[in-house]
Amino acid sequence: MKVAFIVQRCGREVVGGAELHCLHVAQRMSKHWQTEILTTCPLEYTTWENHYPPAPRRWMAR
């Protein structure tokens, strides 16, 4: 099964809130499903300036 998680920003540098929860759930569920996180590219929610390049990234499971 393929599952996509959608969150406003995501990355190991993003701490707390829905973003971190989404990353943790996607990592855990990747043992059972093919998971993908769809997100924007900013790191800071105060400016919403792009930090990451607009390209696919892979996060290793914890």
C-alpha atoms as a PDB file:
ATOM      1  CA  MET A   1       0.000   0.000   0.000  1.00  0.00           C
ATOM      2  CA  LYS A   2       1.209   3.520  -0.788  1.00  0.00           C
ATOM      3  CA  VAL A   3       0.426   6.321   1.679  1.00  0.00           C
ATOM      4  CA  ALA A   4       1.241  10.043   1.404  1.00  0.00           C
ATOM      5  CA  PHE A   5       1.441  12.297   4.451  1.00  0.00           C
ATOM      6  CA  ILE A   6       0.934  16.016   3.838  1.00  0.00           C
ATOM      7  CA  VAL A   7       2.314  18.641   6.215  1.00  0.00           C
ATOM      8  CA  GLN A   8       3.250  22.331   5.838  1.00  0.00           C
ATOM      9  CA  ARG A   9       6.983  21.767   6.468  1.00  0.00           C
ATOM     10  CA  CYS A  10       9.116  18.796   7.336  1.00  0.00           C
ATOM     11  CA  GLY A  11      12.730  17.992   8.084  1.00  0.00           C
ATOM     12  CA  ARG A  12      14.993  16.862  10.890  1.00  0.00           C
ATOM     13  CA  GLU A  13      15.679  20.522  11.723  1.00  0.00           C
ATOM     14  CA  VAL A  14      11.963  21.238  12.240  1.00  0.00           C
ATOM     15  CA  VAL A  15      11.201  20.578  15.904  1.00  0.00           C
ATOM     16  CA  GLY A  16       7.898  19.954  17.597  1.00  0.00           C
ATOM     17  CA  GLY A  17       4.314  20.140  16.517  1.00  0.00           C
ATOM     18  CA  ALA A  18       2.521  18.453  13.667  1.00  0.00           C
ATOM     19  CA  GLU A  19       5.633  18.477  11.490  1.00  0.00           C
ATOM     20  CA  LEU A  20       7.707  16.272  13.785  1.00  0.00           C
ATOM     21  CA  HIS A  21       4.734  14.045  14.554  1.00  0.00           C
ATOM     22  CA  CYS A  22       4.129  13.520  10.826  1.00  0.00           C
ATOM     23  CA  LEU A  23       7.773  12.559  10.275  1.00  0.00           C
ATOM     24  CA  HIS A  24       7.710  10.067  13.163  1.00  0.00           C
ATOM     25  CA  VAL A  25       4.453   8.458  12.034  1.00  0.00           C
ATOM     26  CA  ALA A  26       5.662   8.193   8.431  1.00  0.00           C
ATOM     27  CA  GLN A  27       8.948   6.631   9.564  1.00  0.00           C
ATOM     28  CA  ARG A  28       7.184   4.067  11.750  1.00  0.00           C
ATOM     29  CA  MET A  29       4.571   3.185   9.165  1.00  0.00           C
ATOM     30  CA  SER A  30       7.218   2.766   6.453  1.00  0.00           C
ATOM     31  CA  LYS A  31       7.770  -0.705   7.938  1.00  0.00           C
ATOM     32  CA  HIS A  32       4.286  -1.626   6.715  1.00  0.00           C
ATOM     33  CA  TRP A  33       3.556   0.732   3.820  1.00  0.00           C
ATOM     34  CA  GLN A  34       5.399   2.638   1.134  1.00  0.00           C
ATOM     35  CA  THR A  35       5.268   6.135   2.654  1.00  0.00           C
ATOM     36  CA  GLU A  36       5.933   9.577   1.246  1.00  0.00           C
ATOM     37  CA  ILE A  37       5.763  13.033   2.854  1.00  0.00           C
ATOM     38  CA  LEU A  38       4.533  15.874   0.659  1.00  0.00           C
ATOM     39  CA  THR A  39       5.569  19.292   1.954  1.00  0.00           C
ATOM     40  CA  THR A  40       6.811  22.773   1.129  1.00  0.00           C
ATOM     41  CA  CYS A  41      10.484  23.828   1.279  1.00  0.00           C
ATOM     42  CA  PRO A  42      10.750  26.383   4.166  1.00  0.00           C
ATOM     43  CA  LEU A  43      12.540  25.746   7.451  1.00  0.00           C
ATOM     44  CA  GLU A  44      11.303  28.843   9.338  1.00  0.00           C
ATOM     45  CA  TYR A  45       7.583  29.401   9.775  1.00  0.00           C
ATOM     46  CA  THR A  46       8.121  33.122  10.431  1.00  0.00           C
ATOM     47  CA  THR A  47       9.412  33.935   6.936  1.00  0.00           C
ATOM     48  CA  TRP A  48       8.342  30.889   4.875  1.00  0.00           C
ATOM     49  CA  GLU A  49      11.435  31.401   2.701  1.00  0.00           C
ATOM     50  CA  ASN A  50      12.580  28.249   0.924  1.00  0.00           C
ATOM     51  CA  HIS A  51      15.402  26.494   2.746  1.00  0.00           C
ATOM     52  CA  TYR A  52      15.421  23.105   1.048  1.00  0.00           C
ATOM     53  CA  PRO A  53      15.717  22.664  -2.711  1.00  0.00           C
ATOM     54  CA  PRO A  54      12.424  21.661  -4.354  1.00  0.00           C
ATOM     55  CA  ALA A  55      13.351  18.033  -4.910  1.00  0.00           C
ATOM     56  CA  PRO A  56      12.612  14.648  -3.376  1.00  0.00           C
ATOM     57  CA  ARG A  57      14.494  13.915  -0.133  1.00  0.00           C
ATOM     58  CA  ARG A  58      14.842  10.711   1.810  1.00  0.00           C
ATOM     59  CA  TRP A  59      14.828  10.430   5.603  1.00  0.00           C
ATOM     60  CA  MET A  60      16.228   7.374   7.259  1.00  0.00           C
ATOM     61  CA  ALA A  61      14.092   5.668   9.854  1.00  0.00           C
ATOM     62  CA  ARG A  62      15.041   6.462  13.434  1.00  0.00           C
END
